[in-house]
Amino acid sequence: MSDTYIIEVSQQAAGIVVRDPDGYRFFAASHRFNPMEGQLFANAREAERAAFLFASQGFPAAPVVTAA
């Protein structure tokens, strides 16, 4: 399993997620996704879903945090 993933929406980079001890942290690749900056997700797929939702509805989805 990789520690870093590129998140794309409509074939454009939205950001990357990097594994940290609590899950995957999102870092925006464009200003459009800045509101998602720093959100923590359970996995890369959840971050991808949140970025897609944000792009289609214009607001960041609530982060999905893994239980410690």
C-alpha atoms as a PDB file:
ATOM      1  CA  MET A   1       0.000   0.000   0.000  1.00  0.00           C
ATOM      2  CA  SER A   2       1.345   3.389  -0.997  1.00  0.00           C
ATOM      3  CA  ASP A   3       1.845   6.302   1.381  1.00  0.00           C
ATOM      4  CA  THR A   4       0.951   9.019  -1.148  1.00  0.00           C
ATOM      5  CA  TYR A   5      -1.815   9.271  -3.751  1.00  0.00           C
ATOM      6  CA  ILE A   6      -2.755  11.884  -6.324  1.00  0.00           C
ATOM      7  CA  ILE A   7      -6.440  12.798  -6.185  1.00  0.00           C
ATOM      8  CA  GLU A   8      -7.961  13.784  -9.538  1.00  0.00           C
ATOM      9  CA  VAL A   9     -11.368  15.223 -10.374  1.00  0.00           C
ATOM     10  CA  SER A  10     -12.390  15.415 -14.040  1.00  0.00           C
ATOM     11  CA  GLN A  11      -8.838  14.517 -15.086  1.00  0.00           C
ATOM     12  CA  GLN A  12      -7.345  17.462 -13.164  1.00  0.00           C
ATOM     13  CA  ALA A  13      -5.239  17.215 -10.030  1.00  0.00           C
ATOM     14  CA  ALA A  14      -7.241  18.223  -6.968  1.00  0.00           C
ATOM     15  CA  GLY A  15      -4.490  17.394  -4.520  1.00  0.00           C
ATOM     16  CA  ILE A  16      -2.541  14.630  -2.893  1.00  0.00           C
ATOM     17  CA  VAL A  17      -3.147  12.598   0.224  1.00  0.00           C
ATOM     18  CA  VAL A  18      -0.261  11.517   2.395  1.00  0.00           C
ATOM     19  CA  ARG A  19      -0.468   8.789   4.998  1.00  0.00           C
ATOM     20  CA  ASP A  20       0.092   9.921   8.564  1.00  0.00           C
ATOM     21  CA  PRO A  21      -0.478   8.041  11.836  1.00  0.00           C
ATOM     22  CA  ASP A  22      -4.183   8.966  11.898  1.00  0.00           C
ATOM     23  CA  GLY A  23      -5.132   8.330   8.254  1.00  0.00           C
ATOM     24  CA  TYR A  24      -4.552  10.245   5.009  1.00  0.00           C
ATOM     25  CA  ARG A  25      -4.101  14.026   5.026  1.00  0.00           C
ATOM     26  CA  PHE A  26      -5.214  16.067   1.994  1.00  0.00           C
ATOM     27  CA  PHE A  27      -2.997  18.767   0.432  1.00  0.00           C
ATOM     28  CA  ALA A  28      -4.583  20.870  -2.317  1.00  0.00           C
ATOM     29  CA  ALA A  29      -2.936  21.017  -5.746  1.00  0.00           C
ATOM     30  CA  SER A  30      -5.014  23.991  -6.890  1.00  0.00           C
ATOM     31  CA  HIS A  31      -6.688  26.960  -5.235  1.00  0.00           C
ATOM     32  CA  ARG A  32     -10.076  25.467  -6.066  1.00  0.00           C
ATOM     33  CA  PHE A  33      -9.511  22.739  -3.458  1.00  0.00           C
ATOM     34  CA  ASN A  34      -7.911  24.905  -0.751  1.00  0.00           C
ATOM     35  CA  PRO A  35     -10.963  24.529   1.536  1.00  0.00           C
ATOM     36  CA  MET A  36     -10.101  20.812   1.817  1.00  0.00           C
ATOM     37  CA  GLU A  37      -6.489  21.518   2.821  1.00  0.00           C
ATOM     38  CA  GLY A  38      -5.423  19.532   5.869  1.00  0.00           C
ATOM     39  CA  GLN A  39      -8.553  17.365   6.118  1.00  0.00           C
ATOM     40  CA  LEU A  40      -7.945  13.850   7.369  1.00  0.00           C
ATOM     41  CA  PHE A  41      -9.529  10.825   5.678  1.00  0.00           C
ATOM     42  CA  ALA A  42      -9.679   7.132   6.498  1.00  0.00           C
ATOM     43  CA  ASN A  43      -8.213   6.233   3.102  1.00  0.00           C
ATOM     44  CA  ALA A  44      -7.412   7.665  -0.324  1.00  0.00           C
ATOM     45  CA  ARG A  45     -10.757   6.570  -1.782  1.00  0.00           C
ATOM     46  CA  GLU A  46     -12.642   8.626   0.835  1.00  0.00           C
ATOM     47  CA  ALA A  47     -10.522  11.668  -0.034  1.00  0.00           C
ATOM     48  CA  GLU A  48     -11.292  11.150  -3.715  1.00  0.00           C
ATOM     49  CA  ARG A  49     -15.033  10.976  -2.983  1.00  0.00           C
ATOM     50  CA  ALA A  50     -14.843  14.144  -0.885  1.00  0.00           C
ATOM     51  CA  ALA A  51     -12.962  16.002  -3.642  1.00  0.00           C
ATOM     52  CA  PHE A  52     -15.553  14.929  -6.207  1.00  0.00           C
ATOM     53  CA  LEU A  53     -18.376  16.044  -3.902  1.00  0.00           C
ATOM     54  CA  PHE A  54     -16.637  19.352  -3.265  1.00  0.00           C
ATOM     55  CA  ALA A  55     -16.165  19.953  -6.997  1.00  0.00           C
ATOM     56  CA  SER A  56     -19.799  19.164  -7.752  1.00  0.00           C
ATOM     57  CA  GLN A  57     -21.427  20.904  -4.776  1.00  0.00           C
ATOM     58  CA  GLY A  58     -18.880  23.556  -3.822  1.00  0.00           C
ATOM     59  CA  PHE A  59     -18.236  22.698  -0.204  1.00  0.00           C
ATOM     60  CA  PRO A  60     -15.822  20.356   1.552  1.00  0.00           C
ATOM     61  CA  ALA A  61     -17.242  17.101   2.807  1.00  0.00           C
ATOM     62  CA  ALA A  62     -16.792  16.299   6.467  1.00  0.00           C
ATOM     63  CA  PRO A  63     -13.514  14.461   6.951  1.00  0.00           C
ATOM     64  CA  VAL A  64     -13.615  10.777   7.788  1.00  0.00           C
ATOM     65  CA  VAL A  65     -11.238  10.177  10.691  1.00  0.00           C
ATOM     66  CA  THR A  66     -10.074   6.726  11.670  1.00  0.00           C
ATOM     67  CA  ALA A  67     -10.453   5.673  15.296  1.00  0.00           C
ATOM     68  CA  ALA A  68      -7.200   5.488  17.233  1.00  0.00           C
END
